[in-house]
């Protein structure tokens, strides 16, 4: 009797675990698609030219041209200091990570 109980419990647990995957997801996990590692190099020069546009402009050359026509007093702060922001992004300041008391115990 005890072995029947164990078999029933195991079968019940297996059926509950199997039912967590929806029927339309297929029978096996697919995983992540393989990607090339040099995607940044491919995307940076797709059209044959590299323009020095600030990241905050999000590639909008018309916005940059409009800002360049403005007087310096009316230009946005991010546009005036774009070179300094780029220098900070190239050399980010990092701090050592503190130990976690919950994990180390």
PDB file of N, CA and C in Angstrom:
ATOM      1  N   UNK A   1       0.823  -1.191   0.000  1.00  0.00           N
ATOM      2  CA  UNK A   1       0.000   0.000   0.000  1.00  0.00           C
ATOM      3  C   UNK A   1       0.866   1.254   0.000  1.00  0.00           C
ATOM      4  N   UNK A   2       1.955   1.177   0.735  1.00  0.00           N
ATOM      5  CA  UNK A   2       2.838   2.342   0.825  1.00  0.00           C
ATOM      6  C   UNK A   2       3.498   2.645  -0.516  1.00  0.00           C
ATOM      7  N   UNK A   3       3.849   1.614  -1.274  1.00  0.00           N
ATOM      8  CA  UNK A   3       4.478   1.835  -2.582  1.00  0.00           C
ATOM      9  C   UNK A   3       3.487   2.447  -3.563  1.00  0.00           C
ATOM     10  N   UNK A   4       2.202   2.053  -3.471  1.00  0.00           N
ATOM     11  CA  UNK A   4       1.194   2.650  -4.335  1.00  0.00           C
ATOM     12  C   UNK A   4       1.045   4.141  -4.032  1.00  0.00           C
ATOM     13  N   UNK A   5       1.100   4.490  -2.791  1.00  0.00           N
ATOM     14  CA  UNK A   5       0.996   5.888  -2.394  1.00  0.00           C
ATOM     15  C   UNK A   5       2.169   6.701  -2.954  1.00  0.00           C
ATOM     16  N   UNK A   6       3.364   6.150  -2.871  1.00  0.00           N
ATOM     17  CA  UNK A   6       4.542   6.848  -3.376  1.00  0.00           C
ATOM     18  C   UNK A   6       4.449   7.004  -4.897  1.00  0.00           C
ATOM     19  N   UNK A   7       4.020   5.962  -5.594  1.00  0.00           N
ATOM     20  CA  UNK A   7       3.883   6.012  -7.055  1.00  0.00           C
ATOM     21  C   UNK A   7       2.828   7.037  -7.449  1.00  0.00           C
ATOM     22  N   UNK A   8       1.713   7.072  -6.734  1.00  0.00           N
ATOM     23  CA  UNK A   8       0.645   8.023  -7.043  1.00  0.00           C
ATOM     24  C   UNK A   8       1.118   9.457  -6.802  1.00  0.00           C
ATOM     25  N   UNK A   9       1.823   9.676  -5.708  1.00  0.00           N
ATOM     26  CA  UNK A   9       2.323  11.017  -5.400  1.00  0.00           C
ATOM     27  C   UNK A   9       3.330  11.459  -6.443  1.00  0.00           C
ATOM     28  N   UNK A  10       4.230  10.581  -6.838  1.00  0.00           N
ATOM     29  CA  UNK A  10       5.217  10.923  -7.866  1.00  0.00           C
ATOM     30  C   UNK A  10       4.551  11.194  -9.211  1.00  0.00           C
ATOM     31  N   UNK A  11       3.557  10.395  -9.557  1.00  0.00           N
ATOM     32  CA  UNK A  11       2.836  10.608 -10.811  1.00  0.00           C
ATOM     33  C   UNK A  11       2.077  11.926 -10.773  1.00  0.00           C
ATOM     34  N   UNK A  12       1.485  12.241  -9.644  1.00  0.00           N
ATOM     35  CA  UNK A  12       0.773  13.505  -9.491  1.00  0.00           C
ATOM     36  C   UNK A  12       1.728  14.686  -9.612  1.00  0.00           C
ATOM     37  N   UNK A  13       2.896  14.592  -8.980  1.00  0.00           N
ATOM     38  CA  UNK A  13       3.885  15.675  -9.066  1.00  0.00           C
ATOM     39  C   UNK A  13       4.407  15.828 -10.493  1.00  0.00           C
ATOM     40  N   UNK A  14       4.621  14.714 -11.184  1.00  0.00           N
ATOM     41  CA  UNK A  14       5.099  14.777 -12.570  1.00  0.00           C
ATOM     42  C   UNK A  14       4.052  15.408 -13.479  1.00  0.00           C
ATOM     43  N   UNK A  15       2.788  15.068 -13.285  1.00  0.00           N
ATOM     44  CA  UNK A  15       1.739  15.647 -14.121  1.00  0.00           C
ATOM     45  C   UNK A  15       1.557  17.137 -13.836  1.00  0.00           C
ATOM     46  N   UNK A  16       1.692  17.538 -12.578  1.00  0.00           N
ATOM     47  CA  UNK A  16       1.607  18.962 -12.244  1.00  0.00           C
ATOM     48  C   UNK A  16       2.775  19.746 -12.850  1.00  0.00           C
ATOM     49  N   UNK A  17       3.950  19.160 -12.803  1.00  0.00           N
ATOM     50  CA  UNK A  17       5.119  19.844 -13.377  1.00  0.00           C
ATOM     51  C   UNK A  17       4.999  19.927 -14.896  1.00  0.00           C
ATOM     52  N   UNK A  18       4.495  18.897 -15.539  1.00  0.00           N
ATOM     53  CA  UNK A  18       4.353  18.896 -17.003  1.00  0.00           C
ATOM     54  C   UNK A  18       3.257  19.850 -17.457  1.00  0.00           C
ATOM     55  N   UNK A  19       2.250  20.050 -16.639  1.00  0.00           N
ATOM     56  CA  UNK A  19       1.139  20.916 -17.036  1.00  0.00           C
ATOM     57  C   UNK A  19       1.496  22.402 -16.952  1.00  0.00           C
ATOM     58  N   UNK A  20       2.639  22.756 -16.417  1.00  0.00           N
ATOM     59  CA  UNK A  20       3.035  24.152 -16.334  1.00  0.00           C
ATOM     60  C   UNK A  20       3.423  24.712 -17.700  1.00  0.00           C
ATOM     61  N   UNK A  21       3.792  23.859 -18.635  1.00  0.00           N
ATOM     62  CA  UNK A  21       4.160  24.292 -19.980  1.00  0.00           C
ATOM     63  C   UNK A  21       2.897  24.277 -20.851  1.00  0.00           C
ATOM     64  N   UNK A  22       2.551  25.406 -21.492  1.00  0.00           N
ATOM     65  CA  UNK A  22       1.326  25.438 -22.298  1.00  0.00           C
ATOM     66  C   UNK A  22       1.449  24.552 -23.544  1.00  0.00           C
ATOM     67  N   UNK A  23       0.324  24.083 -24.042  1.00  0.00           N
ATOM     68  CA  UNK A  23       0.322  23.146 -25.159  1.00  0.00           C
ATOM     69  C   UNK A  23       0.849  23.782 -26.439  1.00  0.00           C
ATOM     70  N   UNK A  24       0.693  25.098 -26.600  1.00  0.00           N
ATOM     71  CA  UNK A  24       1.132  25.749 -27.833  1.00  0.00           C
ATOM     72  C   UNK A  24       2.625  26.067 -27.840  1.00  0.00           C
ATOM     73  N   UNK A  25       3.327  25.800 -26.754  1.00  0.00           N
ATOM     74  CA  UNK A  25       4.752  26.106 -26.687  1.00  0.00           C
ATOM     75  C   UNK A  25       5.606  25.001 -27.276  1.00  0.00           C
ATOM     76  N   UNK A  26       5.032  23.915 -27.662  1.00  0.00           N
ATOM     77  CA  UNK A  26       5.796  22.814 -28.246  1.00  0.00           C
ATOM     78  C   UNK A  26       6.186  21.801 -27.191  1.00  0.00           C
ATOM     79  N   UNK A  27       6.883  20.764 -27.648  1.00  0.00           N
ATOM     80  CA  UNK A  27       7.235  19.675 -26.750  1.00  0.00           C
ATOM     81  C   UNK A  27       8.593  19.850 -26.089  1.00  0.00           C
ATOM     82  N   UNK A  28       9.446  20.678 -26.654  1.00  0.00           N
ATOM     83  CA  UNK A  28      10.791  20.836 -26.096  1.00  0.00           C
ATOM     84  C   UNK A  28      11.147  22.312 -26.057  1.00  0.00           C
ATOM     85  N   UNK A  29      12.012  22.714 -25.151  1.00  0.00           N
ATOM     86  CA  UNK A  29      12.417  24.121 -25.106  1.00  0.00           C
ATOM     87  C   UNK A  29      13.305  24.458 -26.299  1.00  0.00           C
ATOM     88  N   UNK A  30      13.131  25.637 -26.825  1.00  0.00           N
ATOM     89  CA  UNK A  30      13.881  26.052 -28.002  1.00  0.00           C
ATOM     90  C   UNK A  30      15.191  26.727 -27.596  1.00  0.00           C
ATOM     91  N   UNK A  31      15.187  27.527 -26.558  1.00  0.00           N
ATOM     92  CA  UNK A  31      16.391  28.231 -26.133  1.00  0.00           C
ATOM     93  C   UNK A  31      16.517  29.574 -26.830  1.00  0.00           C
ATOM     94  N   UNK A  32      17.692  30.147 -26.769  1.00  0.00           N
ATOM     95  CA  UNK A  32      17.948  31.442 -27.367  1.00  0.00           C
ATOM     96  C   UNK A  32      18.569  31.265 -28.744  1.00  0.00           C
ATOM     97  N   UNK A  33      18.247  32.139 -29.698  1.00  0.00           N
ATOM     98  CA  UNK A  33      18.866  32.023 -31.016  1.00  0.00           C
ATOM     99  C   UNK A  33      20.329  32.436 -30.961  1.00  0.00           C
ATOM    100  N   UNK A  34      21.130  31.855 -31.831  1.00  0.00           N
ATOM    101  CA  UNK A  34      22.552  32.193 -31.889  1.00  0.00           C
ATOM    102  C   UNK A  34      22.712  33.564 -32.526  1.00  0.00           C
ATOM    103  N   UNK A  35      23.540  34.401 -31.921  1.00  0.00           N
ATOM    104  CA  UNK A  35      23.758  35.752 -32.436  1.00  0.00           C
ATOM    105  C   UNK A  35      25.237  35.980 -32.660  1.00  0.00           C
ATOM    106  N   UNK A  36      25.545  36.796 -33.633  1.00  0.00           N
ATOM    107  CA  UNK A  36      26.929  37.157 -33.877  1.00  0.00           C
ATOM    108  C   UNK A  36      27.377  38.136 -32.805  1.00  0.00           C
ATOM    109  N   UNK A  37      28.651  38.116 -32.480  1.00  0.00           N
ATOM    110  CA  UNK A  37      29.154  38.993 -31.431  1.00  0.00           C
ATOM    111  C   UNK A  37      29.573  40.353 -31.961  1.00  0.00           C
ATOM    112  N   UNK A  38      29.726  40.503 -33.273  1.00  0.00           N
ATOM    113  CA  UNK A  38      30.201  41.767 -33.828  1.00  0.00           C
ATOM    114  C   UNK A  38      29.051  42.608 -34.376  1.00  0.00           C
ATOM    115  N   UNK A  39      27.904  42.623 -33.702  1.00  0.00           N
ATOM    116  CA  UNK A  39      26.760  43.385 -34.191  1.00  0.00           C
ATOM    117  C   UNK A  39      26.992  44.881 -34.080  1.00  0.00           C
ATOM    118  N   UNK A  40      27.766  45.335 -33.112  1.00  0.00           N
ATOM    119  CA  UNK A  40      28.014  46.770 -32.962  1.00  0.00           C
ATOM    120  C   UNK A  40      28.775  47.302 -34.168  1.00  0.00           C
ATOM    121  N   UNK A  41      29.738  46.541 -34.640  1.00  0.00           N
ATOM    122  CA  UNK A  41      30.495  46.978 -35.803  1.00  0.00           C
ATOM    123  C   UNK A  41      29.611  47.004 -37.046  1.00  0.00           C
ATOM    124  N   UNK A  42      28.681  46.092 -37.165  1.00  0.00           N
ATOM    125  CA  UNK A  42      27.806  46.076 -38.325  1.00  0.00           C
ATOM    126  C   UNK A  42      26.821  47.240 -38.305  1.00  0.00           C
ATOM    127  N   UNK A  43      26.313  47.580 -37.126  1.00  0.00           N
ATOM    128  CA  UNK A  43      25.302  48.624 -37.036  1.00  0.00           C
ATOM    129  C   UNK A  43      25.887  50.030 -37.028  1.00  0.00           C
ATOM    130  N   UNK A  44      27.132  50.189 -36.666  1.00  0.00           N
ATOM    131  CA  UNK A  44      27.673  51.534 -36.539  1.00  0.00           C
ATOM    132  C   UNK A  44      27.864  52.205 -37.890  1.00  0.00           C
ATOM    133  N   UNK A  45      28.117  51.462 -38.940  1.00  0.00           N
ATOM    134  CA  UNK A  45      28.409  52.057 -40.234  1.00  0.00           C
ATOM    135  C   UNK A  45      27.602  51.362 -41.316  1.00  0.00           C
ATOM    136  N   UNK A  46      26.302  51.317 -41.175  1.00  0.00           N
ATOM    137  CA  UNK A  46      25.466  50.628 -42.140  1.00  0.00           C
ATOM    138  C   UNK A  46      25.320  51.403 -43.440  1.00  0.00           C
ATOM    139  N   UNK A  47      25.327  52.719 -43.365  1.00  0.00           N
ATOM    140  CA  UNK A  47      25.036  53.533 -44.539  1.00  0.00           C
ATOM    141  C   UNK A  47      26.279  54.161 -45.144  1.00  0.00           C
ATOM    142  N   UNK A  48      27.457  53.759 -44.700  1.00  0.00           N
ATOM    143  CA  UNK A  48      28.686  54.228 -45.311  1.00  0.00           C
ATOM    144  C   UNK A  48      29.264  55.482 -44.710  1.00  0.00           C
ATOM    145  N   UNK A  49      28.662  56.024 -43.680  1.00  0.00           N
ATOM    146  CA  UNK A  49      29.201  57.232 -43.074  1.00  0.00           C
ATOM    147  C   UNK A  49      28.928  57.213 -41.574  1.00  0.00           C
ATOM    148  N   UNK A  50      29.833  57.753 -40.819  1.00  0.00           N
ATOM    149  CA  UNK A  50      29.664  57.883 -39.373  1.00  0.00           C
ATOM    150  C   UNK A  50      29.618  59.359 -39.032  1.00  0.00           C
ATOM    151  N   UNK A  51      28.517  59.775 -38.448  1.00  0.00           N
ATOM    152  CA  UNK A  51      28.384  61.159 -38.031  1.00  0.00           C
ATOM    153  C   UNK A  51      28.567  61.236 -36.528  1.00  0.00           C
ATOM    154  N   UNK A  52      29.180  62.291 -36.093  1.00  0.00           N
ATOM    155  CA  UNK A  52      29.394  62.502 -34.669  1.00  0.00           C
ATOM    156  C   UNK A  52      28.160  63.184 -34.089  1.00  0.00           C
ATOM    157  N   UNK A  53      27.130  62.395 -33.837  1.00  0.00           N
ATOM    158  CA  UNK A  53      25.875  62.901 -33.290  1.00  0.00           C
ATOM    159  C   UNK A  53      25.797  62.462 -31.839  1.00  0.00           C
ATOM    160  N   UNK A  54      25.429  63.363 -30.914  1.00  0.00           N
ATOM    161  CA  UNK A  54      25.303  62.956 -29.507  1.00  0.00           C
ATOM    162  C   UNK A  54      24.268  61.849 -29.333  1.00  0.00           C
ATOM    163  N   UNK A  55      24.480  61.012 -28.332  1.00  0.00           N
ATOM    164  CA  UNK A  55      23.568  59.892 -28.071  1.00  0.00           C
ATOM    165  C   UNK A  55      22.173  60.398 -27.714  1.00  0.00           C
ATOM    166  N   UNK A  56      22.111  61.515 -27.030  1.00  0.00           N
ATOM    167  CA  UNK A  56      20.822  62.045 -26.606  1.00  0.00           C
ATOM    168  C   UNK A  56      19.958  62.471 -27.784  1.00  0.00           C
ATOM    169  N   UNK A  57      20.565  62.742 -28.953  1.00  0.00           N
ATOM    170  CA  UNK A  57      19.801  63.127 -30.144  1.00  0.00           C
ATOM    171  C   UNK A  57      19.141  61.918 -30.788  1.00  0.00           C
ATOM    172  N   UNK A  58      19.539  60.713 -30.409  1.00  0.00           N
ATOM    173  CA  UNK A  58      18.971  59.454 -30.892  1.00  0.00           C
ATOM    174  C   UNK A  58      19.035  59.353 -32.411  1.00  0.00           C
ATOM    175  N   UNK A  59      20.129  59.836 -33.001  1.00  0.00           N
ATOM    176  CA  UNK A  59      20.347  59.710 -34.434  1.00  0.00           C
ATOM    177  C   UNK A  59      19.571  60.690 -35.286  1.00  0.00           C
ATOM    178  N   UNK A  60      18.913  61.648 -34.690  1.00  0.00           N
ATOM    179  CA  UNK A  60      18.098  62.607 -35.437  1.00  0.00           C
ATOM    180  C   UNK A  60      18.983  63.755 -35.909  1.00  0.00           C
ATOM    181  N   UNK A  61      19.392  63.709 -37.154  1.00  0.00           N
ATOM    182  CA  UNK A  61      20.288  64.738 -37.693  1.00  0.00           C
ATOM    183  C   UNK A  61      19.561  66.067 -37.851  1.00  0.00           C
ATOM    184  N   UNK A  62      18.258  66.054 -38.102  1.00  0.00           N
ATOM    185  CA  UNK A  62      17.491  67.298 -38.234  1.00  0.00           C
ATOM    186  C   UNK A  62      17.477  68.047 -36.909  1.00  0.00           C
ATOM    187  N   UNK A  63      17.340  67.319 -35.805  1.00  0.00           N
ATOM    188  CA  UNK A  63      17.379  67.943 -34.482  1.00  0.00           C
ATOM    189  C   UNK A  63      18.733  68.590 -34.230  1.00  0.00           C
ATOM    190  N   UNK A  64      19.798  67.893 -34.605  1.00  0.00           N
ATOM    191  CA  UNK A  64      21.140  68.438 -34.403  1.00  0.00           C
ATOM    192  C   UNK A  64      21.336  69.694 -35.247  1.00  0.00           C
ATOM    193  N   UNK A  65      20.874  69.690 -36.488  1.00  0.00           N
ATOM    194  CA  UNK A  65      20.989  70.878 -37.337  1.00  0.00           C
ATOM    195  C   UNK A  65      20.194  72.043 -36.775  1.00  0.00           C
ATOM    196  N   UNK A  66      19.019  71.752 -36.215  1.00  0.00           N
ATOM    197  CA  UNK A  66      18.205  72.807 -35.612  1.00  0.00           C
ATOM    198  C   UNK A  66      18.891  73.394 -34.391  1.00  0.00           C
ATOM    199  N   UNK A  67      19.488  72.542 -33.568  1.00  0.00           N
ATOM    200  CA  UNK A  67      20.181  73.014 -32.363  1.00  0.00           C
ATOM    201  C   UNK A  67      21.412  73.826 -32.734  1.00  0.00           C
ATOM    202  N   UNK A  68      22.117  73.429 -33.803  1.00  0.00           N
ATOM    203  CA  UNK A  68      23.303  74.177 -34.210  1.00  0.00           C
ATOM    204  C   UNK A  68      22.961  75.578 -34.692  1.00  0.00           C
ATOM    205  N   UNK A  69      21.737  75.808 -35.186  1.00  0.00           N
ATOM    206  CA  UNK A  69      21.321  77.133 -35.637  1.00  0.00           C
ATOM    207  C   UNK A  69      20.909  78.031 -34.476  1.00  0.00           C
ATOM    208  N   UNK A  70      20.696  77.472 -33.316  1.00  0.00           N
ATOM    209  CA  UNK A  70      20.306  78.254 -32.144  1.00  0.00           C
ATOM    210  C   UNK A  70      21.512  79.001 -31.584  1.00  0.00           C
ATOM    211  N   UNK A  71      21.263  80.107 -30.890  1.00  0.00           N
ATOM    212  CA  UNK A  71      22.373  80.731 -30.163  1.00  0.00           C
ATOM    213  C   UNK A  71      22.854  79.827 -29.030  1.00  0.00           C
ATOM    214  N   UNK A  72      24.096  79.989 -28.622  1.00  0.00           N
ATOM    215  CA  UNK A  72      24.684  79.115 -27.604  1.00  0.00           C
ATOM    216  C   UNK A  72      23.910  79.192 -26.285  1.00  0.00           C
ATOM    217  N   UNK A  73      23.358  80.355 -25.985  1.00  0.00           N
ATOM    218  CA  UNK A  73      22.615  80.501 -24.727  1.00  0.00           C
ATOM    219  C   UNK A  73      21.332  79.663 -24.710  1.00  0.00           C
ATOM    220  N   UNK A  74      20.761  79.383 -25.873  1.00  0.00           N
ATOM    221  CA  UNK A  74      19.505  78.642 -25.935  1.00  0.00           C
ATOM    222  C   UNK A  74      19.690  77.155 -26.209  1.00  0.00           C
ATOM    223  N   UNK A  75      20.919  76.703 -26.434  1.00  0.00           N
ATOM    224  CA  UNK A  75      21.159  75.293 -26.724  1.00  0.00           C
ATOM    225  C   UNK A  75      20.981  74.448 -25.470  1.00  0.00           C
ATOM    226  N   UNK A  76      20.506  73.205 -25.635  1.00  0.00           N
ATOM    227  CA  UNK A  76      20.336  72.335 -24.462  1.00  0.00           C
ATOM    228  C   UNK A  76      21.680  71.984 -23.822  1.00  0.00           C
ATOM    229  N   UNK A  77      21.621  71.734 -22.543  1.00  0.00           N
ATOM    230  CA  UNK A  77      22.830  71.427 -21.780  1.00  0.00           C
ATOM    231  C   UNK A  77      23.498  70.154 -22.296  1.00  0.00           C
ATOM    232  N   UNK A  78      22.713  69.134 -22.657  1.00  0.00           N
ATOM    233  CA  UNK A  78      23.285  67.873 -23.122  1.00  0.00           C
ATOM    234  C   UNK A  78      24.008  68.051 -24.449  1.00  0.00           C
ATOM    235  N   UNK A  79      23.587  69.020 -25.248  1.00  0.00           N
ATOM    236  CA  UNK A  79      24.261  69.234 -26.528  1.00  0.00           C
ATOM    237  C   UNK A  79      25.568  69.995 -26.348  1.00  0.00           C
ATOM    238  N   UNK A  80      25.572  70.943 -25.451  1.00  0.00           N
ATOM    239  CA  UNK A  80      26.789  71.725 -25.210  1.00  0.00           C
ATOM    240  C   UNK A  80      27.885  70.842 -24.631  1.00  0.00           C
ATOM    241  N   UNK A  81      27.538  69.943 -23.729  1.00  0.00           N
ATOM    242  CA  UNK A  81      28.524  69.097 -23.058  1.00  0.00           C
ATOM    243  C   UNK A  81      28.581  67.683 -23.626  1.00  0.00           C
ATOM    244  N   UNK A  82      28.244  67.496 -24.888  1.00  0.00           N
ATOM    245  CA  UNK A  82      28.209  66.157 -25.490  1.00  0.00           C
ATOM    246  C   UNK A  82      29.582  65.508 -25.492  1.00  0.00           C
ATOM    247  N   UNK A  83      30.637  66.274 -25.737  1.00  0.00           N
ATOM    248  CA  UNK A  83      31.987  65.699 -25.757  1.00  0.00           C
ATOM    249  C   UNK A  83      32.400  65.218 -24.366  1.00  0.00           C
ATOM    250  N   UNK A  84      32.054  65.990 -23.334  1.00  0.00           N
ATOM    251  CA  UNK A  84      32.379  65.567 -21.977  1.00  0.00           C
ATOM    252  C   UNK A  84      31.589  64.321 -21.580  1.00  0.00           C
ATOM    253  N   UNK A  85      30.322  64.246 -21.998  1.00  0.00           N
ATOM    254  CA  UNK A  85      29.528  63.048 -21.718  1.00  0.00           C
ATOM    255  C   UNK A  85      30.116  61.820 -22.400  1.00  0.00           C
ATOM    256  N   UNK A  86      30.567  61.977 -23.644  1.00  0.00           N
ATOM    257  CA  UNK A  86      31.175  60.850 -24.360  1.00  0.00           C
ATOM    258  C   UNK A  86      32.451  60.392 -23.667  1.00  0.00           C
ATOM    259  N   UNK A  87      33.248  61.335 -23.163  1.00  0.00           N
ATOM    260  CA  UNK A  87      34.473  60.955 -22.453  1.00  0.00           C
ATOM    261  C   UNK A  87      34.146  60.189 -21.175  1.00  0.00           C
ATOM    262  N   UNK A  88      33.084  60.589 -20.477  1.00  0.00           N
ATOM    263  CA  UNK A  88      32.680  59.875 -19.263  1.00  0.00           C
ATOM    264  C   UNK A  88      32.154  58.479 -19.580  1.00  0.00           C
ATOM    265  N   UNK A  89      31.464  58.335 -20.705  1.00  0.00           N
ATOM    266  CA  UNK A  89      30.943  57.022 -21.075  1.00  0.00           C
ATOM    267  C   UNK A  89      32.055  56.057 -21.467  1.00  0.00           C
ATOM    268  N   UNK A  90      33.137  56.583 -22.017  1.00  0.00           N
ATOM    269  CA  UNK A  90      34.236  55.710 -22.430  1.00  0.00           C
ATOM    270  C   UNK A  90      35.033  55.207 -21.233  1.00  0.00           C
ATOM    271  N   UNK A  91      35.084  55.974 -20.159  1.00  0.00           N
ATOM    272  CA  UNK A  91      35.813  55.572 -18.956  1.00  0.00           C
ATOM    273  C   UNK A  91      34.884  55.687 -17.748  1.00  0.00           C
ATOM    274  N   UNK A  92      33.974  54.740 -17.569  1.00  0.00           N
ATOM    275  CA  UNK A  92      33.035  54.838 -16.451  1.00  0.00           C
ATOM    276  C   UNK A  92      33.735  54.593 -15.119  1.00  0.00           C
ATOM    277  N   UNK A  93      33.240  55.254 -14.107  1.00  0.00           N
ATOM    278  CA  UNK A  93      33.785  55.081 -12.764  1.00  0.00           C
ATOM    279  C   UNK A  93      33.062  53.902 -12.115  1.00  0.00           C
ATOM    280  N   UNK A  94      33.818  52.965 -11.600  1.00  0.00           N
ATOM    281  CA  UNK A  94      33.224  51.796 -10.953  1.00  0.00           C
ATOM    282  C   UNK A  94      33.657  51.733  -9.497  1.00  0.00           C
ATOM    283  N   UNK A  95      32.835  51.091  -8.707  1.00  0.00           N
ATOM    284  CA  UNK A  95      33.121  50.909  -7.294  1.00  0.00           C
ATOM    285  C   UNK A  95      33.118  49.424  -6.983  1.00  0.00           C
ATOM    286  N   UNK A  96      33.923  48.998  -6.011  1.00  0.00           N
ATOM    287  CA  UNK A  96      33.900  47.574  -5.656  1.00  0.00           C
ATOM    288  C   UNK A  96      32.558  47.199  -5.028  1.00  0.00           C
ATOM    289  N   UNK A  97      32.130  45.997  -5.320  1.00  0.00           N
ATOM    290  CA  UNK A  97      30.844  45.540  -4.830  1.00  0.00           C
ATOM    291  C   UNK A  97      30.986  45.050  -3.392  1.00  0.00           C
ATOM    292  N   UNK A  98      30.060  45.480  -2.548  1.00  0.00           N
ATOM    293  CA  UNK A  98      30.090  45.056  -1.155  1.00  0.00           C
ATOM    294  C   UNK A  98      29.628  43.608  -1.050  1.00  0.00           C
ATOM    295  N   UNK A  99      30.151  42.912  -0.063  1.00  0.00           N
ATOM    296  CA  UNK A  99      29.741  41.527   0.133  1.00  0.00           C
ATOM    297  C   UNK A  99      28.318  41.488   0.685  1.00  0.00           C
ATOM    298  N   UNK A 100      27.589  40.487   0.269  1.00  0.00           N
ATOM    299  CA  UNK A 100      26.217  40.318   0.702  1.00  0.00           C
ATOM    300  C   UNK A 100      26.207  39.378   1.899  1.00  0.00           C
ATOM    301  N   UNK A 101      25.703  39.851   3.017  1.00  0.00           N
ATOM    302  CA  UNK A 101      25.685  39.050   4.240  1.00  0.00           C
ATOM    303  C   UNK A 101      24.744  37.856   4.135  1.00  0.00           C
ATOM    304  N   UNK A 102      23.722  37.961   3.298  1.00  0.00           N
ATOM    305  CA  UNK A 102      22.766  36.871   3.188  1.00  0.00           C
ATOM    306  C   UNK A 102      23.328  35.705   2.385  1.00  0.00           C
ATOM    307  N   UNK A 103      24.175  36.005   1.388  1.00  0.00           N
ATOM    308  CA  UNK A 103      24.715  34.947   0.534  1.00  0.00           C
ATOM    309  C   UNK A 103      25.927  34.287   1.171  1.00  0.00           C
ATOM    310  N   UNK A 104      26.776  35.059   1.829  1.00  0.00           N
ATOM    311  CA  UNK A 104      28.033  34.523   2.344  1.00  0.00           C
ATOM    312  C   UNK A 104      27.854  33.630   3.566  1.00  0.00           C
ATOM    313  N   UNK A 105      26.685  33.608   4.174  1.00  0.00           N
ATOM    314  CA  UNK A 105      26.489  32.787   5.370  1.00  0.00           C
ATOM    315  C   UNK A 105      26.197  31.367   5.029  1.00  0.00           C
TER     316      UNK A 105
END
